[in-house]
C-alpha atoms as a PDB file:
ATOM      1  CA  UNK A   1      17.693 -13.581 -19.545  1.00  0.00           C
ATOM      2  CA  UNK A   2      17.807 -17.266 -20.368  1.00  0.00           C
ATOM      3  CA  UNK A   3      15.620 -18.432 -17.481  1.00  0.00           C
ATOM      4  CA  UNK A   4      12.284 -17.059 -16.380  1.00  0.00           C
ATOM      5  CA  UNK A   5      12.191 -14.935 -13.238  1.00  0.00           C
ATOM      6  CA  UNK A   6       9.342 -14.451 -10.774  1.00  0.00           C
ATOM      7  CA  UNK A   7       9.212 -11.724  -8.145  1.00  0.00           C
ATOM      8  CA  UNK A   8       6.424 -11.146  -5.654  1.00  0.00           C
ATOM      9  CA  UNK A   9       5.850  -8.348  -3.147  1.00  0.00           C
ATOM     10  CA  UNK A  10       3.164  -7.856  -0.496  1.00  0.00           C
ATOM     11  CA  UNK A  11       0.506  -5.217  -0.106  1.00  0.00           C
ATOM     12  CA  UNK A  12       0.214  -3.000   2.937  1.00  0.00           C
ATOM     13  CA  UNK A  13      -2.129  -1.619   5.578  1.00  0.00           C
ATOM     14  CA  UNK A  14      -1.133   1.632   7.285  1.00  0.00           C
ATOM     15  CA  UNK A  15      -1.821   1.290  11.007  1.00  0.00           C
ATOM     16  CA  UNK A  16      -0.841   4.798  12.084  1.00  0.00           C
ATOM     17  CA  UNK A  17       1.009   7.855  10.837  1.00  0.00           C
ATOM     18  CA  UNK A  18      -0.886   8.419   7.595  1.00  0.00           C
ATOM     19  CA  UNK A  19      -0.395  12.002   6.369  1.00  0.00           C
ATOM     20  CA  UNK A  20       1.822  12.749   9.416  1.00  0.00           C
ATOM     21  CA  UNK A  21       4.579  10.689   7.821  1.00  0.00           C
ATOM     22  CA  UNK A  22       4.847  13.397   5.154  1.00  0.00           C
ATOM     23  CA  UNK A  23       5.898  15.849   7.892  1.00  0.00           C
ATOM     24  CA  UNK A  24       8.580  13.582   9.341  1.00  0.00           C
ATOM     25  CA  UNK A  25       6.542  11.644  11.897  1.00  0.00           C
ATOM     26  CA  UNK A  26       6.740   7.870  12.167  1.00  0.00           C
ATOM     27  CA  UNK A  27       4.261   5.648  10.380  1.00  0.00           C
ATOM     28  CA  UNK A  28       3.515   2.075  11.394  1.00  0.00           C
ATOM     29  CA  UNK A  29       2.578  -0.259   8.569  1.00  0.00           C
ATOM     30  CA  UNK A  30       1.999  -3.975   8.128  1.00  0.00           C
ATOM     31  CA  UNK A  31       2.571  -6.155   5.086  1.00  0.00           C
ATOM     32  CA  UNK A  32      -0.376  -8.348   4.167  1.00  0.00           C
ATOM     33  CA  UNK A  33      -0.340 -11.645   2.310  1.00  0.00           C
ATOM     34  CA  UNK A  34      -1.852 -10.354  -0.898  1.00  0.00           C
ATOM     35  CA  UNK A  35       0.961 -10.178  -3.414  1.00  0.00           C
ATOM     36  CA  UNK A  36       1.806  -8.573  -6.706  1.00  0.00           C
ATOM     37  CA  UNK A  37       3.334 -11.222  -8.944  1.00  0.00           C
ATOM     38  CA  UNK A  38       5.730 -10.383 -11.798  1.00  0.00           C
ATOM     39  CA  UNK A  39       6.972 -13.043 -14.198  1.00  0.00           C
ATOM     40  CA  UNK A  40       9.561 -12.309 -16.893  1.00  0.00           C
ATOM     41  CA  UNK A  41      10.747 -14.630 -19.641  1.00  0.00           C
ATOM     42  CA  UNK A  42      12.292 -14.198 -23.083  1.00  0.00           C
ATOM     43  CA  UNK A  43      10.043 -13.386 -26.020  1.00  0.00           C
ATOM     44  CA  UNK A  44      10.407 -15.438 -29.176  1.00  0.00           C
ATOM     45  CA  UNK A  45       9.536 -12.608 -31.565  1.00  0.00           C
ATOM     46  CA  UNK A  46      10.895  -9.143 -32.316  1.00  0.00           C
ATOM     47  CA  UNK A  47       9.121  -7.199 -29.562  1.00  0.00           C
ATOM     48  CA  UNK A  48       8.323  -7.348 -25.866  1.00  0.00           C
ATOM     49  CA  UNK A  49       4.838  -8.191 -24.585  1.00  0.00           C
ATOM     50  CA  UNK A  50       3.224  -7.247 -21.284  1.00  0.00           C
ATOM     51  CA  UNK A  51      -0.055  -8.471 -19.796  1.00  0.00           C
ATOM     52  CA  UNK A  52      -1.611  -7.393 -16.508  1.00  0.00           C
ATOM     53  CA  UNK A  53      -4.335  -9.608 -15.012  1.00  0.00           C
ATOM     54  CA  UNK A  54      -6.294  -7.546 -12.523  1.00  0.00           C
ATOM     55  CA  UNK A  55      -5.348  -4.274 -14.201  1.00  0.00           C
ATOM     56  CA  UNK A  56      -5.966  -4.323 -17.943  1.00  0.00           C
ATOM     57  CA  UNK A  57      -7.322  -6.559 -20.683  1.00  0.00           C
ATOM     58  CA  UNK A  58      -4.952  -4.915 -23.180  1.00  0.00           C
ATOM     59  CA  UNK A  59      -1.719  -6.654 -24.114  1.00  0.00           C
ATOM     60  CA  UNK A  60       1.043  -4.104 -24.318  1.00  0.00           C
ATOM     61  CA  UNK A  61       3.742  -4.336 -26.955  1.00  0.00           C
ATOM     62  CA  UNK A  62       7.000  -2.418 -27.115  1.00  0.00           C
ATOM     63  CA  UNK A  63      10.594  -2.485 -28.259  1.00  0.00           C
ATOM     64  CA  UNK A  64      13.544  -1.258 -26.234  1.00  0.00           C
ATOM     65  CA  UNK A  65      16.227   1.077 -27.530  1.00  0.00           C
ATOM     66  CA  UNK A  66      18.976   3.167 -26.016  1.00  0.00           C
ATOM     67  CA  UNK A  67      16.496   6.056 -25.835  1.00  0.00           C
ATOM     68  CA  UNK A  68      13.835   4.101 -23.930  1.00  0.00           C
ATOM     69  CA  UNK A  69      10.686   2.168 -24.755  1.00  0.00           C
ATOM     70  CA  UNK A  70       8.782   2.439 -28.024  1.00  0.00           C
ATOM     71  CA  UNK A  71       5.185   1.320 -27.623  1.00  0.00           C
ATOM     72  CA  UNK A  72       3.104  -0.061 -30.450  1.00  0.00           C
ATOM     73  CA  UNK A  73       0.183  -0.902 -28.154  1.00  0.00           C
ATOM     74  CA  UNK A  74      -0.856  -0.158 -24.571  1.00  0.00           C
ATOM     75  CA  UNK A  75       1.360   2.801 -23.689  1.00  0.00           C
ATOM     76  CA  UNK A  76      -1.375   4.477 -21.656  1.00  0.00           C
ATOM     77  CA  UNK A  77      -2.063   1.271 -19.710  1.00  0.00           C
ATOM     78  CA  UNK A  78       1.499   0.540 -18.670  1.00  0.00           C
ATOM     79  CA  UNK A  79       3.065   3.669 -17.223  1.00  0.00           C
ATOM     80  CA  UNK A  80       4.587   1.463 -14.525  1.00  0.00           C
ATOM     81  CA  UNK A  81       6.728  -0.294 -17.140  1.00  0.00           C
ATOM     82  CA  UNK A  82       8.076   3.026 -18.415  1.00  0.00           C
ATOM     83  CA  UNK A  83       8.814   4.208 -14.864  1.00  0.00           C
ATOM     84  CA  UNK A  84      10.660   1.036 -13.883  1.00  0.00           C
ATOM     85  CA  UNK A  85      12.589   0.622 -17.148  1.00  0.00           C
ATOM     86  CA  UNK A  86      13.732   4.246 -16.905  1.00  0.00           C
ATOM     87  CA  UNK A  87      15.293   3.502 -13.504  1.00  0.00           C
ATOM     88  CA  UNK A  88      16.556  -0.058 -14.010  1.00  0.00           C
ATOM     89  CA  UNK A  89      17.691   0.449 -17.616  1.00  0.00           C
ATOM     90  CA  UNK A  90      17.775  -3.202 -18.722  1.00  0.00           C
ATOM     91  CA  UNK A  91      19.768  -4.223 -21.802  1.00  0.00           C
ATOM     92  CA  UNK A  92      18.450  -2.554 -24.948  1.00  0.00           C
ATOM     93  CA  UNK A  93      16.957  -4.690 -27.730  1.00  0.00           C
ATOM     94  CA  UNK A  94      16.127  -7.562 -25.376  1.00  0.00           C
ATOM     95  CA  UNK A  95      12.640  -8.879 -26.036  1.00  0.00           C
ATOM     96  CA  UNK A  96      10.669 -10.006 -23.014  1.00  0.00           C
ATOM     97  CA  UNK A  97       7.376 -11.526 -21.941  1.00  0.00           C
ATOM     98  CA  UNK A  98       6.169  -9.705 -18.819  1.00  0.00           C
ATOM     99  CA  UNK A  99       3.174 -10.660 -16.716  1.00  0.00           C
ATOM    100  CA  UNK A 100       2.147  -8.190 -14.018  1.00  0.00           C
ATOM    101  CA  UNK A 101      -0.519  -9.925 -11.933  1.00  0.00           C
ATOM    102  CA  UNK A 102      -2.363  -7.729  -9.409  1.00  0.00           C
ATOM    103  CA  UNK A 103      -5.531  -9.808  -9.028  1.00  0.00           C
ATOM    104  CA  UNK A 104      -4.988 -10.240  -5.290  1.00  0.00           C
ATOM    105  CA  UNK A 105      -5.483  -6.470  -4.894  1.00  0.00           C
ATOM    106  CA  UNK A 106      -8.893  -6.360  -6.594  1.00  0.00           C
ATOM    107  CA  UNK A 107     -12.321  -6.884  -5.046  1.00  0.00           C
ATOM    108  CA  UNK A 108     -13.796  -9.913  -6.782  1.00  0.00           C
ATOM    109  CA  UNK A 109     -17.358  -8.600  -6.661  1.00  0.00           C
ATOM    110  CA  UNK A 110     -16.911  -5.017  -7.862  1.00  0.00           C
ATOM    111  CA  UNK A 111     -13.617  -5.354  -9.746  1.00  0.00           C
ATOM    112  CA  UNK A 112     -12.288  -2.280  -7.924  1.00  0.00           C
ATOM    113  CA  UNK A 113      -8.887  -1.950  -6.285  1.00  0.00           C
ATOM    114  CA  UNK A 114      -9.116  -2.275  -2.527  1.00  0.00           C
ATOM    115  CA  UNK A 115      -6.399   0.211  -1.585  1.00  0.00           C
ATOM    116  CA  UNK A 116      -3.712  -2.051  -0.120  1.00  0.00           C
ATOM    117  CA  UNK A 117      -0.795  -0.727  -2.150  1.00  0.00           C
ATOM    118  CA  UNK A 118      -0.955  -2.497  -5.500  1.00  0.00           C
ATOM    119  CA  UNK A 119       1.145   0.044  -7.393  1.00  0.00           C
ATOM    120  CA  UNK A 120       3.962   0.010  -4.822  1.00  0.00           C
ATOM    121  CA  UNK A 121       3.979  -3.776  -4.543  1.00  0.00           C
ATOM    122  CA  UNK A 122       3.993  -4.139  -8.321  1.00  0.00           C
ATOM    123  CA  UNK A 123       6.772  -1.561  -8.677  1.00  0.00           C
ATOM    124  CA  UNK A 124       8.945  -3.343  -6.114  1.00  0.00           C
ATOM    125  CA  UNK A 125       8.329  -6.726  -7.733  1.00  0.00           C
ATOM    126  CA  UNK A 126       9.054  -5.433 -11.238  1.00  0.00           C
ATOM    127  CA  UNK A 127      12.245  -3.647 -10.180  1.00  0.00           C
ATOM    128  CA  UNK A 128      13.433  -6.816  -8.442  1.00  0.00           C
ATOM    129  CA  UNK A 129      12.570  -9.034 -11.416  1.00  0.00           C
ATOM    130  CA  UNK A 130      14.378  -6.770 -13.884  1.00  0.00           C
ATOM    131  CA  UNK A 131      17.292  -5.560 -11.781  1.00  0.00           C
ATOM    132  CA  UNK A 132      17.755  -7.952  -8.886  1.00  0.00           C
ATOM    133  CA  UNK A 133      18.219  -6.939  -5.269  1.00  0.00           C
ATOM    134  CA  UNK A 134      21.168  -4.559  -5.708  1.00  0.00           C
ATOM    135  CA  UNK A 135      20.041  -1.023  -4.963  1.00  0.00           C
ATOM    136  CA  UNK A 136      16.427  -2.171  -4.749  1.00  0.00           C
ATOM    137  CA  UNK A 137      15.167   0.363  -2.166  1.00  0.00           C
ATOM    138  CA  UNK A 138      16.497   3.384  -4.049  1.00  0.00           C
ATOM    139  CA  UNK A 139      15.440   2.102  -7.463  1.00  0.00           C
ATOM    140  CA  UNK A 140      11.964   1.113  -6.362  1.00  0.00           C
ATOM    141  CA  UNK A 141      11.374   4.404  -4.560  1.00  0.00           C
ATOM    142  CA  UNK A 142      12.501   6.454  -7.565  1.00  0.00           C
ATOM    143  CA  UNK A 143      10.355   4.432  -9.960  1.00  0.00           C
ATOM    144  CA  UNK A 144       7.273   4.634  -7.753  1.00  0.00           C
ATOM    145  CA  UNK A 145       7.648   8.362  -7.204  1.00  0.00           C
ATOM    146  CA  UNK A 146       7.904   8.862 -10.959  1.00  0.00           C
ATOM    147  CA  UNK A 147       4.756   6.797 -11.375  1.00  0.00           C
ATOM    148  CA  UNK A 148       2.967   8.860  -8.702  1.00  0.00           C
ATOM    149  CA  UNK A 149       4.184  12.236 -10.009  1.00  0.00           C
ATOM    150  CA  UNK A 150       6.336  12.659  -6.896  1.00  0.00           C
ATOM    151  CA  UNK A 151       3.498  12.166  -4.416  1.00  0.00           C
ATOM    152  CA  UNK A 152       3.508   9.833  -1.436  1.00  0.00           C
ATOM    153  CA  UNK A 153       5.754   8.985   1.470  1.00  0.00           C
ATOM    154  CA  UNK A 154       7.228   5.687   0.298  1.00  0.00           C
ATOM    155  CA  UNK A 155       5.820   3.727   3.262  1.00  0.00           C
ATOM    156  CA  UNK A 156       4.098   1.325   0.880  1.00  0.00           C
ATOM    157  CA  UNK A 157       7.367   0.764  -1.017  1.00  0.00           C
ATOM    158  CA  UNK A 158       9.281   0.139   2.217  1.00  0.00           C
ATOM    159  CA  UNK A 159       6.641  -2.309   3.413  1.00  0.00           C
ATOM    160  CA  UNK A 160       6.680  -4.212   0.119  1.00  0.00           C
ATOM    161  CA  UNK A 161      10.462  -4.550   0.393  1.00  0.00           C
ATOM    162  CA  UNK A 162      10.680  -5.426   4.103  1.00  0.00           C
ATOM    163  CA  UNK A 163       7.483  -7.316   4.876  1.00  0.00           C
ATOM    164  CA  UNK A 164       6.237  -7.824   8.435  1.00  0.00           C
ATOM    165  CA  UNK A 165       5.378  -4.926  10.735  1.00  0.00           C
ATOM    166  CA  UNK A 166       7.540  -1.824  10.371  1.00  0.00           C
ATOM    167  CA  UNK A 167       8.027   1.651  11.743  1.00  0.00           C
ATOM    168  CA  UNK A 168       8.903   3.934   8.846  1.00  0.00           C
ATOM    169  CA  UNK A 169      10.327   7.436   8.515  1.00  0.00           C
ATOM    170  CA  UNK A 170      10.190   9.160   5.172  1.00  0.00           C
ATOM    171  CA  UNK A 171      13.148  11.522   5.436  1.00  0.00           C
ATOM    172  CA  UNK A 172      15.668   8.719   5.813  1.00  0.00           C
ATOM    173  CA  UNK A 173      13.591   6.114   3.945  1.00  0.00           C
ATOM    174  CA  UNK A 174      14.232   4.056   7.066  1.00  0.00           C
ATOM    175  CA  UNK A 175      12.230   1.039   8.143  1.00  0.00           C
ATOM    176  CA  UNK A 176      12.570  -0.663  11.516  1.00  0.00           C
ATOM    177  CA  UNK A 177      11.021  -4.079  12.098  1.00  0.00           C
ATOM    178  CA  UNK A 178       8.582  -4.379  14.984  1.00  0.00           C
ATOM    179  CA  UNK A 179       7.066  -7.397  16.691  1.00  0.00           C
ATOM    180  CA  UNK A 180       3.323  -7.942  16.406  1.00  0.00           C
ATOM    181  CA  UNK A 181       1.776  -7.684  19.897  1.00  0.00           C
ATOM    182  CA  UNK A 182       0.741 -11.009  21.394  1.00  0.00           C
ATOM    183  CA  UNK A 183      -3.019 -11.245  21.799  1.00  0.00           C
ATOM    184  CA  UNK A 184      -3.829  -8.449  19.340  1.00  0.00           C
ATOM    185  CA  UNK A 185      -6.282  -9.514  16.634  1.00  0.00           C
ATOM    186  CA  UNK A 186      -7.217  -7.624  13.492  1.00  0.00           C
ATOM    187  CA  UNK A 187      -9.567  -7.673  10.544  1.00  0.00           C
ATOM    188  CA  UNK A 188      -9.144  -5.566   7.403  1.00  0.00           C
ATOM    189  CA  UNK A 189     -12.457  -3.999   6.387  1.00  0.00           C
ATOM    190  CA  UNK A 190     -13.137  -3.099   2.749  1.00  0.00           C
ATOM    191  CA  UNK A 191     -15.664  -0.243   2.616  1.00  0.00           C
ATOM    192  CA  UNK A 192     -16.812  -1.168  -0.875  1.00  0.00           C
ATOM    193  CA  UNK A 193     -15.772   2.259  -2.191  1.00  0.00           C
ATOM    194  CA  UNK A 194     -12.475   3.091  -3.893  1.00  0.00           C
ATOM    195  CA  UNK A 195     -10.612   6.305  -3.068  1.00  0.00           C
ATOM    196  CA  UNK A 196      -7.872   8.334  -4.711  1.00  0.00           C
ATOM    197  CA  UNK A 197      -4.825   8.815  -2.511  1.00  0.00           C
ATOM    198  CA  UNK A 198      -3.231  11.174  -5.015  1.00  0.00           C
ATOM    199  CA  UNK A 199      -6.262  13.473  -5.045  1.00  0.00           C
ATOM    200  CA  UNK A 200      -6.150  13.808  -1.266  1.00  0.00           C
ATOM    201  CA  UNK A 201      -2.408  14.434  -1.244  1.00  0.00           C
ATOM    202  CA  UNK A 202      -2.831  17.109  -3.904  1.00  0.00           C
ATOM    203  CA  UNK A 203      -5.545  18.761  -1.841  1.00  0.00           C
ATOM    204  CA  UNK A 204      -3.392  18.700   1.295  1.00  0.00           C
ATOM    205  CA  UNK A 205      -0.463  20.209  -0.600  1.00  0.00           C
ATOM    206  CA  UNK A 206      -2.567  23.275  -1.437  1.00  0.00           C
ATOM    207  CA  UNK A 207      -4.359  23.573   1.914  1.00  0.00           C
ATOM    208  CA  UNK A 208      -3.636  26.122   4.603  1.00  0.00           C
ATOM    209  CA  UNK A 209      -1.672  24.723   7.526  1.00  0.00           C
ATOM    210  CA  UNK A 210      -3.650  24.234  10.738  1.00  0.00           C
ATOM    211  CA  UNK A 211      -2.495  23.367  14.245  1.00  0.00           C
ATOM    212  CA  UNK A 212      -4.143  19.959  13.882  1.00  0.00           C
ATOM    213  CA  UNK A 213      -1.366  19.009  11.475  1.00  0.00           C
ATOM    214  CA  UNK A 214       1.216  19.278  14.266  1.00  0.00           C
ATOM    215  CA  UNK A 215      -1.152  17.548  16.664  1.00  0.00           C
ATOM    216  CA  UNK A 216      -1.449  14.639  14.251  1.00  0.00           C
ATOM    217  CA  UNK A 217       2.332  14.310  14.104  1.00  0.00           C
ATOM    218  CA  UNK A 218       2.499  14.163  17.893  1.00  0.00           C
ATOM    219  CA  UNK A 219      -0.273  11.562  17.961  1.00  0.00           C
ATOM    220  CA  UNK A 220       1.523   9.516  15.293  1.00  0.00           C
ATOM    221  CA  UNK A 221       4.695   9.490  17.386  1.00  0.00           C
ATOM    222  CA  UNK A 222       2.679   8.342  20.389  1.00  0.00           C
ATOM    223  CA  UNK A 223       1.168   5.535  18.334  1.00  0.00           C
ATOM    224  CA  UNK A 224       4.606   4.461  17.077  1.00  0.00           C
ATOM    225  CA  UNK A 225       5.820   4.334  20.672  1.00  0.00           C
ATOM    226  CA  UNK A 226       2.836   2.192  21.630  1.00  0.00           C
ATOM    227  CA  UNK A 227       3.432  -0.211  18.737  1.00  0.00           C
ATOM    228  CA  UNK A 228       7.123  -0.481  19.650  1.00  0.00           C
ATOM    229  CA  UNK A 229       6.182  -1.891  23.074  1.00  0.00           C
ATOM    230  CA  UNK A 230       4.597  -4.944  21.390  1.00  0.00           C
ATOM    231  CA  UNK A 231       1.835  -4.657  24.007  1.00  0.00           C
ATOM    232  CA  UNK A 232      -1.739  -5.180  22.820  1.00  0.00           C
ATOM    233  CA  UNK A 233      -3.012  -3.137  25.742  1.00  0.00           C
ATOM    234  CA  UNK A 234      -0.740  -0.198  24.995  1.00  0.00           C
ATOM    235  CA  UNK A 235      -1.680  -0.183  21.312  1.00  0.00           C
ATOM    236  CA  UNK A 236      -5.432  -0.348  21.915  1.00  0.00           C
ATOM    237  CA  UNK A 237      -5.280   2.304  24.639  1.00  0.00           C
ATOM    238  CA  UNK A 238      -3.401   4.734  22.382  1.00  0.00           C
ATOM    239  CA  UNK A 239      -5.767   4.556  19.433  1.00  0.00           C
ATOM    240  CA  UNK A 240      -8.723   6.732  20.618  1.00  0.00           C
ATOM    241  CA  UNK A 241      -6.497   9.822  20.933  1.00  0.00           C
ATOM    242  CA  UNK A 242      -4.912   9.083  17.568  1.00  0.00           C
ATOM    243  CA  UNK A 243      -8.262   8.632  15.810  1.00  0.00           C
ATOM    244  CA  UNK A 244      -9.478  11.896  17.352  1.00  0.00           C
ATOM    245  CA  UNK A 245      -6.367  13.736  16.104  1.00  0.00           C
ATOM    246  CA  UNK A 246      -6.816  12.236  12.624  1.00  0.00           C
ATOM    247  CA  UNK A 247     -10.478  13.308  12.607  1.00  0.00           C
ATOM    248  CA  UNK A 248      -9.633  16.907  13.548  1.00  0.00           C
ATOM    249  CA  UNK A 249      -6.885  16.984  10.933  1.00  0.00           C
ATOM    250  CA  UNK A 250      -9.331  15.723   8.304  1.00  0.00           C
ATOM    251  CA  UNK A 251     -11.964  18.338   9.138  1.00  0.00           C
ATOM    252  CA  UNK A 252      -9.497  21.233   9.215  1.00  0.00           C
ATOM    253  CA  UNK A 253      -8.003  20.282   5.847  1.00  0.00           C
ATOM    254  CA  UNK A 254     -11.297  19.158   4.262  1.00  0.00           C
ATOM    255  CA  UNK A 255      -9.914  15.736   3.330  1.00  0.00           C
ATOM    256  CA  UNK A 256     -12.925  13.538   4.039  1.00  0.00           C
ATOM    257  CA  UNK A 257     -10.774  10.817   5.598  1.00  0.00           C
ATOM    258  CA  UNK A 258     -13.734   9.453   7.552  1.00  0.00           C
ATOM    259  CA  UNK A 259     -16.174   9.514   4.612  1.00  0.00           C
ATOM    260  CA  UNK A 260     -17.543   6.404   2.858  1.00  0.00           C
ATOM    261  CA  UNK A 261     -18.693   4.893   6.146  1.00  0.00           C
ATOM    262  CA  UNK A 262     -15.442   5.094   8.109  1.00  0.00           C
ATOM    263  CA  UNK A 263     -16.980   7.449  10.693  1.00  0.00           C
ATOM    264  CA  UNK A 264     -19.892   5.079  11.229  1.00  0.00           C
ATOM    265  CA  UNK A 265     -17.557   2.131  11.734  1.00  0.00           C
ATOM    266  CA  UNK A 266     -15.357   4.083  14.176  1.00  0.00           C
ATOM    267  CA  UNK A 267     -18.388   4.866  16.354  1.00  0.00           C
ATOM    268  CA  UNK A 268     -19.867   1.372  16.151  1.00  0.00           C
ATOM    269  CA  UNK A 269     -16.540  -0.257  16.991  1.00  0.00           C
ATOM    270  CA  UNK A 270     -16.027   2.019  20.009  1.00  0.00           C
ATOM    271  CA  UNK A 271     -19.499   1.121  21.275  1.00  0.00           C
ATOM    272  CA  UNK A 272     -18.530  -2.551  21.004  1.00  0.00           C
ATOM    273  CA  UNK A 273     -15.288  -2.042  22.917  1.00  0.00           C
ATOM    274  CA  UNK A 274     -13.165  -2.364  19.759  1.00  0.00           C
ATOM    275  CA  UNK A 275     -10.917  -0.046  17.762  1.00  0.00           C
ATOM    276  CA  UNK A 276     -11.486   0.889  14.124  1.00  0.00           C
ATOM    277  CA  UNK A 277      -9.744   3.456  11.949  1.00  0.00           C
ATOM    278  CA  UNK A 278      -9.396   4.288   8.248  1.00  0.00           C
ATOM    279  CA  UNK A 279      -6.133   2.826   6.997  1.00  0.00           C
ATOM    280  CA  UNK A 280      -4.214   5.159   4.726  1.00  0.00           C
ATOM    281  CA  UNK A 281      -5.696   8.082   2.819  1.00  0.00           C
ATOM    282  CA  UNK A 282      -9.256   7.213   3.847  1.00  0.00           C
ATOM    283  CA  UNK A 283     -12.461   8.405   2.227  1.00  0.00           C
ATOM    284  CA  UNK A 284     -13.060   4.811   1.075  1.00  0.00           C
ATOM    285  CA  UNK A 285     -10.784   1.837   0.476  1.00  0.00           C
ATOM    286  CA  UNK A 286     -10.004  -0.007   3.725  1.00  0.00           C
ATOM    287  CA  UNK A 287      -9.933   0.330   7.478  1.00  0.00           C
ATOM    288  CA  UNK A 288      -8.445  -1.754  10.262  1.00  0.00           C
ATOM    289  CA  UNK A 289     -10.486  -3.297  13.082  1.00  0.00           C
ATOM    290  CA  UNK A 290      -8.522  -4.231  16.212  1.00  0.00           C
ATOM    291  CA  UNK A 291      -9.274  -6.015  19.465  1.00  0.00           C
ATOM    292  CA  UNK A 292      -8.207  -8.839  21.733  1.00  0.00           C
ATOM    293  CA  UNK A 293     -10.812 -11.412  20.773  1.00  0.00           C
ATOM    294  CA  UNK A 294     -11.107 -12.700  17.216  1.00  0.00           C
ATOM    295  CA  UNK A 295     -14.652 -13.890  17.828  1.00  0.00           C
ATOM    296  CA  UNK A 296     -15.726 -10.382  18.806  1.00  0.00           C
ATOM    297  CA  UNK A 297     -14.132  -8.967  15.662  1.00  0.00           C
ATOM    298  CA  UNK A 298     -15.967 -11.504  13.508  1.00  0.00           C
ATOM    299  CA  UNK A 299     -19.256 -10.786  15.270  1.00  0.00           C
ATOM    300  CA  UNK A 300     -18.814  -7.064  14.687  1.00  0.00           C
ATOM    301  CA  UNK A 301     -17.925  -7.589  11.023  1.00  0.00           C
ATOM    302  CA  UNK A 302     -20.928  -9.857  10.475  1.00  0.00           C
ATOM    303  CA  UNK A 303     -23.226  -7.175  11.851  1.00  0.00           C
ATOM    304  CA  UNK A 304     -21.904  -4.202   9.868  1.00  0.00           C
ATOM    305  CA  UNK A 305     -24.750  -2.241   8.311  1.00  0.00           C
ATOM    306  CA  UNK A 306     -22.579  -0.241   5.926  1.00  0.00           C
ATOM    307  CA  UNK A 307     -23.646  -1.156   2.368  1.00  0.00           C
ATOM    308  CA  UNK A 308     -20.833  -2.907   0.508  1.00  0.00           C
ATOM    309  CA  UNK A 309     -18.596  -3.265   3.548  1.00  0.00           C
ATOM    310  CA  UNK A 310     -16.977  -6.647   4.074  1.00  0.00           C
ATOM    311  CA  UNK A 311     -13.948  -8.284   5.633  1.00  0.00           C
ATOM    312  CA  UNK A 312     -11.020  -8.428   3.229  1.00  0.00           C
ATOM    313  CA  UNK A 313      -9.273 -11.662   4.200  1.00  0.00           C
ATOM    314  CA  UNK A 314      -5.674 -10.758   5.033  1.00  0.00           C
ATOM    315  CA  UNK A 315      -2.887 -12.113   7.188  1.00  0.00           C
ATOM    316  CA  UNK A 316       0.299 -10.427   8.353  1.00  0.00           C
ATOM    317  CA  UNK A 317       2.971 -11.372   5.827  1.00  0.00           C
ATOM    318  CA  UNK A 318       6.408 -11.693   7.463  1.00  0.00           C
ATOM    319  CA  UNK A 319       8.176 -11.667   4.098  1.00  0.00           C
ATOM    320  CA  UNK A 320       8.937  -8.768   1.841  1.00  0.00           C
ATOM    321  CA  UNK A 321       9.875  -9.036  -1.816  1.00  0.00           C
ATOM    322  CA  UNK A 322      10.811 -12.531  -2.961  1.00  0.00           C
ATOM    323  CA  UNK A 323      12.825 -13.176  -6.136  1.00  0.00           C
ATOM    324  CA  UNK A 324      13.070 -16.608  -7.768  1.00  0.00           C
ATOM    325  CA  UNK A 325      14.718 -17.821 -10.962  1.00  0.00           C
ATOM    326  CA  UNK A 326      13.374 -20.864 -12.800  1.00  0.00           C
END
């Protein structure tokens, strides 16, 4: 690697289909313009170095052999490097300088991750920087699943690769681009509380199956159909039934999706003629506020009484992973 390489990939907000996507239903997800940034250059000494602004203050150091990575510092901080190198298998004994910058995924006030897919975006960017675009979807998915101990649907990986607004199905790892509905406005709301997606997925995996799980899948398909029309009216009209199905699913499986203030925001938004829902695993992290009038969304956000809640400035990012050589 004679020249430096930079790869960036966007974060995500799940708009519908969370949890149901694991059972084969469609999820709808948008890429947001907060990007993981990976830069790789050659190291001038006899080992590789990795730094991660936004993740760790520790500089990792390792060498690369035919049997994998050998860490002299930071092994516990950089599991993502192990996962990606194991899949990409770059040339042994090459010494690199890696910078894995995830600062755009961190709340500046609290220093906590906001839940918009930093690990998936970083995995996609690192796979692209090390291995190029050939086989990127398969490589990135395998690396991210190794990093997540096999959990997750891959919707965040697909969104980081594709960008824009997508309908995603897990079983085929298939993403279909959708058009954003004209006249539909959104704001991403950070609850001020971080949540563990893996913990909720583990809990669901060991929970008894209730009828609400099938009902959620049906509601997710209805939401995907509404999004595919690119009609703001159709999308907004479909959400109350979907939110109700997600709430019943959460209660039956004791997942706490609407905890950390999400329930309060759902009710307050409905009273204001708007739509709000937890985005993703729930129980903290972010939610999505939707309506036709941006001024009304801003007025609602300014009046939120939930401690720590704030708008997380985000725009729809039409681009997926971007790879540049310098």
